[in-house]
C-alpha atoms as a PDB file:
ATOM      1  CA  UNK A   1      17.140 -35.502 -53.382  1.00  0.00           C
ATOM      2  CA  UNK A   2      13.613 -34.531 -52.580  1.00  0.00           C
ATOM      3  CA  UNK A   3      11.831 -36.036 -55.526  1.00  0.00           C
ATOM      4  CA  UNK A   4      12.203 -38.210 -58.567  1.00  0.00           C
ATOM      5  CA  UNK A   5      13.037 -35.320 -60.908  1.00  0.00           C
ATOM      6  CA  UNK A   6      16.105 -34.368 -58.809  1.00  0.00           C
ATOM      7  CA  UNK A   7      17.239 -37.968 -58.874  1.00  0.00           C
ATOM      8  CA  UNK A   8      16.774 -38.171 -62.630  1.00  0.00           C
ATOM      9  CA  UNK A   9      18.718 -34.921 -63.081  1.00  0.00           C
ATOM     10  CA  UNK A  10      21.537 -36.350 -60.998  1.00  0.00           C
ATOM     11  CA  UNK A  11      21.590 -39.524 -63.105  1.00  0.00           C
ATOM     12  CA  UNK A  12      21.550 -37.487 -66.321  1.00  0.00           C
ATOM     13  CA  UNK A  13      24.513 -35.501 -65.024  1.00  0.00           C
ATOM     14  CA  UNK A  14      26.423 -38.697 -64.313  1.00  0.00           C
ATOM     15  CA  UNK A  15      25.705 -39.985 -67.804  1.00  0.00           C
ATOM     16  CA  UNK A  16      26.711 -36.672 -69.382  1.00  0.00           C
ATOM     17  CA  UNK A  17      30.032 -36.445 -67.491  1.00  0.00           C
ATOM     18  CA  UNK A  18      30.799 -40.138 -67.436  1.00  0.00           C
ATOM     19  CA  UNK A  19      31.634 -42.315 -64.461  1.00  0.00           C
ATOM     20  CA  UNK A  20      35.317 -41.413 -64.255  1.00  0.00           C
ATOM     21  CA  UNK A  21      34.796 -37.645 -64.302  1.00  0.00           C
ATOM     22  CA  UNK A  22      31.855 -37.915 -61.878  1.00  0.00           C
ATOM     23  CA  UNK A  23      33.862 -39.966 -59.388  1.00  0.00           C
ATOM     24  CA  UNK A  24      36.776 -37.505 -59.533  1.00  0.00           C
ATOM     25  CA  UNK A  25      34.421 -34.562 -59.009  1.00  0.00           C
ATOM     26  CA  UNK A  26      32.654 -36.237 -56.102  1.00  0.00           C
ATOM     27  CA  UNK A  27      35.979 -37.041 -54.418  1.00  0.00           C
ATOM     28  CA  UNK A  28      37.017 -33.393 -54.768  1.00  0.00           C
ATOM     29  CA  UNK A  29      33.671 -32.314 -53.301  1.00  0.00           C
ATOM     30  CA  UNK A  30      34.103 -34.685 -50.349  1.00  0.00           C
ATOM     31  CA  UNK A  31      37.631 -33.436 -49.708  1.00  0.00           C
ATOM     32  CA  UNK A  32      36.479 -29.825 -49.895  1.00  0.00           C
ATOM     33  CA  UNK A  33      33.609 -30.462 -47.480  1.00  0.00           C
ATOM     34  CA  UNK A  34      35.448 -32.641 -44.935  1.00  0.00           C
ATOM     35  CA  UNK A  35      39.068 -31.568 -45.371  1.00  0.00           C
ATOM     36  CA  UNK A  36      40.178 -34.990 -46.595  1.00  0.00           C
ATOM     37  CA  UNK A  37      38.867 -37.952 -48.526  1.00  0.00           C
ATOM     38  CA  UNK A  38      38.356 -41.205 -46.585  1.00  0.00           C
ATOM     39  CA  UNK A  39      40.591 -44.026 -47.787  1.00  0.00           C
ATOM     40  CA  UNK A  40      37.576 -46.242 -48.508  1.00  0.00           C
ATOM     41  CA  UNK A  41      36.271 -43.697 -51.022  1.00  0.00           C
ATOM     42  CA  UNK A  42      39.673 -43.456 -52.679  1.00  0.00           C
ATOM     43  CA  UNK A  43      39.758 -47.231 -53.026  1.00  0.00           C
ATOM     44  CA  UNK A  44      36.199 -47.301 -54.368  1.00  0.00           C
ATOM     45  CA  UNK A  45      37.158 -44.639 -56.922  1.00  0.00           C
ATOM     46  CA  UNK A  46      39.497 -47.176 -58.509  1.00  0.00           C
ATOM     47  CA  UNK A  47      36.243 -48.567 -59.873  1.00  0.00           C
ATOM     48  CA  UNK A  48      34.105 -45.451 -60.429  1.00  0.00           C
ATOM     49  CA  UNK A  49      30.871 -47.436 -60.731  1.00  0.00           C
ATOM     50  CA  UNK A  50      31.446 -48.744 -57.191  1.00  0.00           C
ATOM     51  CA  UNK A  51      31.998 -45.271 -55.745  1.00  0.00           C
ATOM     52  CA  UNK A  52      29.042 -43.754 -57.585  1.00  0.00           C
ATOM     53  CA  UNK A  53      26.609 -46.513 -56.645  1.00  0.00           C
ATOM     54  CA  UNK A  54      27.797 -46.473 -53.022  1.00  0.00           C
ATOM     55  CA  UNK A  55      27.432 -42.704 -52.663  1.00  0.00           C
ATOM     56  CA  UNK A  56      24.026 -42.710 -54.354  1.00  0.00           C
ATOM     57  CA  UNK A  57      22.884 -45.468 -51.992  1.00  0.00           C
ATOM     58  CA  UNK A  58      24.406 -43.838 -48.930  1.00  0.00           C
ATOM     59  CA  UNK A  59      22.889 -40.458 -49.775  1.00  0.00           C
ATOM     60  CA  UNK A  60      19.438 -41.923 -50.204  1.00  0.00           C
ATOM     61  CA  UNK A  61      19.614 -43.988 -47.013  1.00  0.00           C
ATOM     62  CA  UNK A  62      20.895 -41.012 -45.049  1.00  0.00           C
ATOM     63  CA  UNK A  63      18.059 -38.810 -46.278  1.00  0.00           C
ATOM     64  CA  UNK A  64      15.221 -41.340 -46.139  1.00  0.00           C
ATOM     65  CA  UNK A  65      16.046 -43.591 -43.198  1.00  0.00           C
ATOM     66  CA  UNK A  66      15.111 -43.162 -39.568  1.00  0.00           C
ATOM     67  CA  UNK A  67      18.291 -45.073 -38.690  1.00  0.00           C
ATOM     68  CA  UNK A  68      21.315 -43.035 -37.662  1.00  0.00           C
ATOM     69  CA  UNK A  69      23.795 -42.937 -40.612  1.00  0.00           C
ATOM     70  CA  UNK A  70      26.561 -44.238 -38.323  1.00  0.00           C
ATOM     71  CA  UNK A  71      24.547 -47.415 -37.721  1.00  0.00           C
ATOM     72  CA  UNK A  72      23.754 -47.773 -41.417  1.00  0.00           C
ATOM     73  CA  UNK A  73      27.504 -47.778 -42.127  1.00  0.00           C
ATOM     74  CA  UNK A  74      28.152 -50.348 -39.408  1.00  0.00           C
ATOM     75  CA  UNK A  75      25.398 -52.563 -40.810  1.00  0.00           C
ATOM     76  CA  UNK A  76      26.912 -52.254 -44.293  1.00  0.00           C
ATOM     77  CA  UNK A  77      30.323 -53.273 -42.969  1.00  0.00           C
ATOM     78  CA  UNK A  78      28.848 -56.240 -41.102  1.00  0.00           C
ATOM     79  CA  UNK A  79      26.990 -57.442 -44.187  1.00  0.00           C
ATOM     80  CA  UNK A  80      30.147 -57.104 -46.296  1.00  0.00           C
ATOM     81  CA  UNK A  81      32.116 -59.137 -43.778  1.00  0.00           C
ATOM     82  CA  UNK A  82      29.400 -61.773 -43.419  1.00  0.00           C
ATOM     83  CA  UNK A  83      29.156 -62.214 -47.187  1.00  0.00           C
ATOM     84  CA  UNK A  84      32.940 -62.287 -47.485  1.00  0.00           C
ATOM     85  CA  UNK A  85      32.743 -59.441 -49.945  1.00  0.00           C
ATOM     86  CA  UNK A  86      36.026 -59.094 -51.854  1.00  0.00           C
ATOM     87  CA  UNK A  87      35.724 -55.303 -51.875  1.00  0.00           C
ATOM     88  CA  UNK A  88      35.278 -55.295 -48.093  1.00  0.00           C
ATOM     89  CA  UNK A  89      38.334 -57.499 -47.620  1.00  0.00           C
ATOM     90  CA  UNK A  90      40.433 -55.368 -49.976  1.00  0.00           C
ATOM     91  CA  UNK A  91      39.512 -52.042 -48.408  1.00  0.00           C
ATOM     92  CA  UNK A  92      39.694 -53.154 -44.791  1.00  0.00           C
ATOM     93  CA  UNK A  93      43.005 -55.005 -45.209  1.00  0.00           C
ATOM     94  CA  UNK A  94      41.535 -57.831 -43.211  1.00  0.00           C
ATOM     95  CA  UNK A  95      44.202 -59.900 -41.490  1.00  0.00           C
ATOM     96  CA  UNK A  96      41.885 -62.426 -39.900  1.00  0.00           C
ATOM     97  CA  UNK A  97      41.164 -65.137 -42.530  1.00  0.00           C
ATOM     98  CA  UNK A  98      38.653 -66.859 -40.274  1.00  0.00           C
ATOM     99  CA  UNK A  99      36.513 -63.698 -40.450  1.00  0.00           C
ATOM    100  CA  UNK A 100      37.295 -62.670 -44.011  1.00  0.00           C
END
């Protein structure tokens, strides 16, 4: 997304298709591009608004940040663990209650 108009077009497309259809399409696109869909994205797709907001955020950070995307993901995981995020605990199948 190079400018605000592209972002607005993307949002309009999401609204037009709906969250459920958008999340299904994005999962298919990810699988087509990478050969498989990561489990975390499949779990997020159980709540389409979570998947959509995560991928919008991740796409923007990846494009706009000077930080390596791998480190951005690690930071996100650390914040989720530190805040005892229920989604983080559910998707990571945390078996260490003192951490989760």
